[in-house]
Amino acid sequence: MADVSAVEIITTATVHLMSAAAVKIGLAEDEQTGHYQDLAEARKLIIALAGLVTAASPEIGGDHARSLRDGLRTLQLAFAEALPFPDPPGQAPGEKWTGRVS
C-alpha cells in the first residue's frame, strides 16, 4: 500500500461502490432468477459514493474527478429510472452532495 497513490486508492474505492450500486439498481442479472434489484441498498451506496466523489474531487485532479462525477451521475439517473415513483426534488440519493440530477 505504501507505493499506491492516493488517487489510485480513491478511484478503486469509487469503482467498487459504483459496481455494487449498479448491481443493486438491477443493471446486472442474477444467475438464478435473471434479475436482481435492491433499491434501498442502491440508495445507500449512491449516497456514500456521492459523498466520496464530492469530497475527493478537489484533491484528485480534473480528469479523474470528471470521470467519477460522470459515473455517479449515470448511476443517479439509472436509479431514478428504476424507481416506481420519483423521489421529491433534492431527495434522490446523493443530491445532498451533488445538487439536483436530471
N, C-alpha and C. Protein backbone atom coordinates (compact mmCIF):
# COMPACT_ATOMS: atom_id res chain seq x y z
N MET A 1 0.82 -1.20 0.00
CA MET A 1 0.00 0.00 0.00
C MET A 1 0.86 1.26 0.00
N ALA A 2 2.03 1.17 0.52
CA ALA A 2 2.88 2.35 0.60
C ALA A 2 3.21 2.91 -0.78
N ASP A 3 3.26 2.05 -1.79
CA ASP A 3 3.62 2.50 -3.14
C ASP A 3 2.41 2.91 -3.98
N VAL A 4 1.21 2.75 -3.45
CA VAL A 4 0.00 3.06 -4.21
C VAL A 4 -0.39 4.50 -3.92
N SER A 5 -0.66 5.25 -5.00
CA SER A 5 -1.02 6.66 -4.82
C SER A 5 -2.43 6.80 -4.24
N ALA A 6 -2.65 7.93 -3.61
CA ALA A 6 -3.98 8.22 -3.05
C ALA A 6 -5.04 8.24 -4.14
N VAL A 7 -4.70 8.76 -5.32
CA VAL A 7 -5.66 8.80 -6.43
C VAL A 7 -6.08 7.39 -6.81
N GLU A 8 -5.14 6.45 -6.85
CA GLU A 8 -5.49 5.07 -7.20
C GLU A 8 -6.39 4.44 -6.14
N ILE A 9 -6.12 4.69 -4.89
CA ILE A 9 -6.94 4.12 -3.81
C ILE A 9 -8.35 4.71 -3.86
N ILE A 10 -8.46 6.01 -4.04
CA ILE A 10 -9.77 6.66 -4.11
C ILE A 10 -10.54 6.15 -5.33
N THR A 11 -9.87 6.06 -6.46
CA THR A 11 -10.52 5.58 -7.68
C THR A 11 -10.99 4.15 -7.52
N THR A 12 -10.16 3.31 -6.93
CA THR A 12 -10.55 1.91 -6.71
C THR A 12 -11.77 1.81 -5.79
N ALA A 13 -11.78 2.60 -4.73
CA ALA A 13 -12.93 2.59 -3.82
C ALA A 13 -14.20 3.03 -4.54
N THR A 14 -14.09 4.06 -5.36
CA THR A 14 -15.29 4.54 -6.06
C THR A 14 -15.77 3.53 -7.10
N VAL A 15 -14.84 2.85 -7.76
CA VAL A 15 -15.25 1.84 -8.74
C VAL A 15 -15.98 0.70 -8.04
N HIS A 16 -15.53 0.30 -6.86
CA HIS A 16 -16.23 -0.75 -6.12
C HIS A 16 -17.64 -0.29 -5.72
N LEU A 17 -17.75 0.95 -5.26
CA LEU A 17 -19.08 1.48 -4.91
C LEU A 17 -19.98 1.57 -6.13
N MET A 18 -19.42 2.01 -7.26
CA MET A 18 -20.20 2.11 -8.49
C MET A 18 -20.69 0.75 -8.95
N SER A 19 -19.81 -0.23 -8.92
CA SER A 19 -20.17 -1.58 -9.35
C SER A 19 -21.26 -2.16 -8.47
N ALA A 20 -21.11 -2.01 -7.16
CA ALA A 20 -22.11 -2.53 -6.24
C ALA A 20 -23.45 -1.82 -6.44
N ALA A 21 -23.42 -0.51 -6.62
CA ALA A 21 -24.67 0.24 -6.83
C ALA A 21 -25.34 -0.20 -8.12
N ALA A 22 -24.57 -0.41 -9.17
CA ALA A 22 -25.15 -0.85 -10.45
C ALA A 22 -25.86 -2.19 -10.29
N VAL A 23 -25.25 -3.10 -9.55
CA VAL A 23 -25.88 -4.40 -9.31
C VAL A 23 -27.17 -4.22 -8.52
N LYS A 24 -27.12 -3.41 -7.47
CA LYS A 24 -28.31 -3.21 -6.62
C LYS A 24 -29.43 -2.47 -7.36
N ILE A 25 -29.08 -1.61 -8.31
CA ILE A 25 -30.11 -0.94 -9.11
C ILE A 25 -30.82 -1.94 -10.01
N GLY A 26 -30.13 -3.00 -10.35
CA GLY A 26 -30.72 -4.02 -11.22
C GLY A 26 -30.12 -4.01 -12.61
N LEU A 27 -28.96 -3.38 -12.76
CA LEU A 27 -28.31 -3.31 -14.07
C LEU A 27 -27.52 -4.58 -14.39
N ALA A 28 -27.46 -5.50 -13.43
CA ALA A 28 -26.80 -6.80 -13.66
C ALA A 28 -27.81 -7.90 -13.39
N GLU A 29 -27.66 -9.00 -14.08
CA GLU A 29 -28.60 -10.11 -13.91
C GLU A 29 -28.11 -11.09 -12.84
N ASP A 30 -29.04 -11.60 -12.07
CA ASP A 30 -28.78 -12.65 -11.11
C ASP A 30 -28.75 -13.98 -11.85
N GLU A 31 -27.81 -14.84 -11.52
CA GLU A 31 -27.67 -16.11 -12.23
C GLU A 31 -28.90 -17.00 -12.09
N GLN A 32 -29.54 -16.98 -10.95
CA GLN A 32 -30.68 -17.89 -10.71
C GLN A 32 -32.00 -17.34 -11.23
N THR A 33 -32.25 -16.07 -10.97
CA THR A 33 -33.56 -15.51 -11.33
C THR A 33 -33.53 -14.70 -12.61
N GLY A 34 -32.35 -14.33 -13.05
CA GLY A 34 -32.25 -13.50 -14.24
C GLY A 34 -32.37 -12.02 -13.94
N HIS A 35 -32.73 -11.65 -12.71
CA HIS A 35 -32.86 -10.25 -12.35
C HIS A 35 -32.58 -10.08 -10.87
N TYR A 36 -31.95 -9.00 -10.53
CA TYR A 36 -31.68 -8.68 -9.13
C TYR A 36 -31.84 -7.18 -8.94
N GLN A 37 -32.51 -6.78 -7.87
CA GLN A 37 -32.66 -5.36 -7.58
C GLN A 37 -32.92 -5.16 -6.10
N ASP A 38 -32.24 -4.22 -5.50
CA ASP A 38 -32.46 -3.83 -4.12
C ASP A 38 -32.21 -2.32 -4.05
N LEU A 39 -33.27 -1.55 -4.28
CA LEU A 39 -33.13 -0.10 -4.38
C LEU A 39 -32.77 0.56 -3.05
N ALA A 40 -33.17 -0.04 -1.93
CA ALA A 40 -32.79 0.52 -0.63
C ALA A 40 -31.27 0.45 -0.44
N GLU A 41 -30.70 -0.67 -0.83
CA GLU A 41 -29.24 -0.83 -0.75
C GLU A 41 -28.55 0.06 -1.78
N ALA A 42 -29.11 0.17 -2.97
CA ALA A 42 -28.53 1.03 -4.00
C ALA A 42 -28.50 2.48 -3.53
N ARG A 43 -29.55 2.91 -2.88
CA ARG A 43 -29.63 4.29 -2.37
C ARG A 43 -28.46 4.56 -1.42
N LYS A 44 -28.20 3.65 -0.50
CA LYS A 44 -27.10 3.82 0.47
C LYS A 44 -25.75 3.91 -0.24
N LEU A 45 -25.55 3.04 -1.21
CA LEU A 45 -24.28 3.03 -1.93
C LEU A 45 -24.08 4.33 -2.73
N ILE A 46 -25.14 4.82 -3.36
CA ILE A 46 -25.04 6.05 -4.15
C ILE A 46 -24.78 7.25 -3.24
N ILE A 47 -25.40 7.28 -2.08
CA ILE A 47 -25.15 8.37 -1.13
C ILE A 47 -23.69 8.36 -0.69
N ALA A 48 -23.17 7.18 -0.35
CA ALA A 48 -21.76 7.07 0.06
C ALA A 48 -20.84 7.47 -1.09
N LEU A 49 -21.16 7.02 -2.28
CA LEU A 49 -20.36 7.35 -3.46
C LEU A 49 -20.37 8.86 -3.71
N ALA A 50 -21.52 9.49 -3.60
CA ALA A 50 -21.62 10.93 -3.83
C ALA A 50 -20.78 11.70 -2.81
N GLY A 51 -20.82 11.27 -1.57
CA GLY A 51 -20.00 11.93 -0.54
C GLY A 51 -18.52 11.81 -0.83
N LEU A 52 -18.09 10.61 -1.22
CA LEU A 52 -16.68 10.38 -1.52
C LEU A 52 -16.24 11.17 -2.75
N VAL A 53 -17.02 11.10 -3.80
CA VAL A 53 -16.66 11.81 -5.04
C VAL A 53 -16.61 13.31 -4.80
N THR A 54 -17.58 13.84 -4.10
CA THR A 54 -17.62 15.29 -3.83
C THR A 54 -16.43 15.72 -2.99
N ALA A 55 -16.13 14.95 -1.95
CA ALA A 55 -15.01 15.31 -1.07
C ALA A 55 -13.67 15.15 -1.76
N ALA A 56 -13.52 14.12 -2.58
CA ALA A 56 -12.23 13.81 -3.18
C ALA A 56 -11.94 14.62 -4.44
N SER A 57 -12.95 15.07 -5.13
CA SER A 57 -12.76 15.74 -6.42
C SER A 57 -11.72 16.86 -6.41
N PRO A 58 -11.73 17.76 -5.45
CA PRO A 58 -10.72 18.83 -5.47
C PRO A 58 -9.29 18.31 -5.28
N GLU A 59 -9.17 17.13 -4.70
CA GLU A 59 -7.85 16.60 -4.37
C GLU A 59 -7.25 15.72 -5.46
N ILE A 60 -8.07 15.15 -6.33
CA ILE A 60 -7.57 14.13 -7.26
C ILE A 60 -7.34 14.63 -8.68
N GLY A 61 -7.72 15.84 -8.98
CA GLY A 61 -7.46 16.39 -10.30
C GLY A 61 -8.65 16.29 -11.23
N GLY A 62 -8.65 17.16 -12.22
CA GLY A 62 -9.79 17.33 -13.11
C GLY A 62 -10.23 16.12 -13.88
N ASP A 63 -9.30 15.42 -14.55
CA ASP A 63 -9.69 14.27 -15.37
C ASP A 63 -10.28 13.14 -14.53
N HIS A 64 -9.62 12.82 -13.43
CA HIS A 64 -10.13 11.76 -12.56
C HIS A 64 -11.48 12.15 -11.98
N ALA A 65 -11.57 13.38 -11.48
CA ALA A 65 -12.81 13.84 -10.86
C ALA A 65 -13.96 13.86 -11.86
N ARG A 66 -13.70 14.29 -13.07
CA ARG A 66 -14.74 14.35 -14.10
C ARG A 66 -15.29 12.96 -14.39
N SER A 67 -14.42 11.98 -14.52
CA SER A 67 -14.85 10.60 -14.78
C SER A 67 -15.70 10.06 -13.65
N LEU A 68 -15.27 10.34 -12.43
CA LEU A 68 -16.03 9.84 -11.27
C LEU A 68 -17.39 10.52 -11.17
N ARG A 69 -17.42 11.83 -11.42
CA ARG A 69 -18.72 12.54 -11.38
C ARG A 69 -19.65 12.04 -12.48
N ASP A 70 -19.11 11.75 -13.66
CA ASP A 70 -19.93 11.21 -14.76
C ASP A 70 -20.51 9.86 -14.38
N GLY A 71 -19.69 8.99 -13.79
CA GLY A 71 -20.18 7.68 -13.37
C GLY A 71 -21.25 7.79 -12.30
N LEU A 72 -21.03 8.68 -11.35
CA LEU A 72 -22.02 8.92 -10.30
C LEU A 72 -23.33 9.41 -10.89
N ARG A 73 -23.26 10.37 -11.79
CA ARG A 73 -24.48 10.91 -12.41
C ARG A 73 -25.24 9.83 -13.17
N THR A 74 -24.51 8.98 -13.88
CA THR A 74 -25.13 7.88 -14.61
C THR A 74 -25.88 6.96 -13.66
N LEU A 75 -25.28 6.65 -12.53
CA LEU A 75 -25.96 5.79 -11.55
C LEU A 75 -27.17 6.49 -10.95
N GLN A 76 -27.05 7.78 -10.67
CA GLN A 76 -28.19 8.51 -10.12
C GLN A 76 -29.36 8.50 -11.10
N LEU A 77 -29.08 8.68 -12.37
CA LEU A 77 -30.15 8.66 -13.38
C LEU A 77 -30.74 7.26 -13.53
N ALA A 78 -29.90 6.23 -13.50
CA ALA A 78 -30.40 4.85 -13.59
C ALA A 78 -31.26 4.52 -12.38
N PHE A 79 -30.86 5.00 -11.22
CA PHE A 79 -31.66 4.78 -10.01
C PHE A 79 -33.03 5.44 -10.16
N ALA A 80 -33.05 6.67 -10.64
CA ALA A 80 -34.32 7.39 -10.82
C ALA A 80 -35.23 6.65 -11.78
N GLU A 81 -34.67 6.08 -12.83
CA GLU A 81 -35.47 5.31 -13.79
C GLU A 81 -36.01 4.02 -13.19
N ALA A 82 -35.29 3.45 -12.23
CA ALA A 82 -35.70 2.18 -11.63
C ALA A 82 -36.80 2.34 -10.58
N LEU A 83 -36.96 3.56 -10.07
CA LEU A 83 -37.98 3.80 -9.04
C LEU A 83 -39.39 3.72 -9.61
N PRO A 84 -40.31 3.11 -8.87
CA PRO A 84 -41.70 3.10 -9.33
C PRO A 84 -42.33 4.50 -9.23
N PHE A 85 -41.90 5.29 -8.24
CA PHE A 85 -42.36 6.66 -8.05
C PHE A 85 -41.13 7.54 -7.82
N PRO A 86 -41.05 8.69 -8.45
CA PRO A 86 -39.84 9.51 -8.32
C PRO A 86 -39.67 10.08 -6.91
N ASP A 87 -38.42 10.28 -6.53
CA ASP A 87 -38.12 10.97 -5.28
C ASP A 87 -38.47 12.44 -5.44
N PRO A 88 -38.83 13.10 -4.34
CA PRO A 88 -39.05 14.55 -4.42
C PRO A 88 -37.75 15.25 -4.83
N PRO A 89 -37.84 16.40 -5.48
CA PRO A 89 -36.64 17.14 -5.88
C PRO A 89 -35.70 17.36 -4.69
N GLY A 90 -34.44 17.06 -4.90
CA GLY A 90 -33.43 17.21 -3.85
C GLY A 90 -33.34 16.06 -2.88
N GLN A 91 -34.22 15.06 -3.01
CA GLN A 91 -34.23 13.93 -2.07
C GLN A 91 -33.69 12.65 -2.68
N ALA A 92 -33.33 12.67 -3.94
CA ALA A 92 -32.77 11.48 -4.57
C ALA A 92 -31.39 11.19 -3.98
N PRO A 93 -30.93 9.96 -4.08
CA PRO A 93 -29.66 9.62 -3.44
C PRO A 93 -28.49 10.44 -3.99
N GLY A 94 -27.75 11.03 -3.07
CA GLY A 94 -26.58 11.80 -3.42
C GLY A 94 -26.83 13.24 -3.74
N GLU A 95 -28.08 13.63 -3.91
CA GLU A 95 -28.37 15.03 -4.28
C GLU A 95 -27.99 16.02 -3.19
N LYS A 96 -27.88 15.55 -1.97
CA LYS A 96 -27.40 16.41 -0.90
C LYS A 96 -25.99 16.91 -1.24
N TRP A 97 -25.22 16.06 -1.90
CA TRP A 97 -23.82 16.39 -2.22
C TRP A 97 -23.67 16.93 -3.64
N THR A 98 -24.50 16.48 -4.58
CA THR A 98 -24.29 16.83 -5.99
C THR A 98 -25.24 17.90 -6.49
N GLY A 99 -26.29 18.16 -5.76
CA GLY A 99 -27.35 19.01 -6.27
C GLY A 99 -28.30 18.19 -7.13
N ARG A 100 -29.33 18.81 -7.63
CA ARG A 100 -30.37 18.12 -8.41
C ARG A 100 -29.78 17.48 -9.66
N VAL A 101 -30.12 16.22 -9.87
CA VAL A 101 -29.68 15.48 -11.05
C VAL A 101 -30.88 15.26 -11.95
N SER A 102 -30.77 15.65 -13.21
CA SER A 102 -31.88 15.43 -14.14
C SER A 102 -31.34 15.16 -15.53
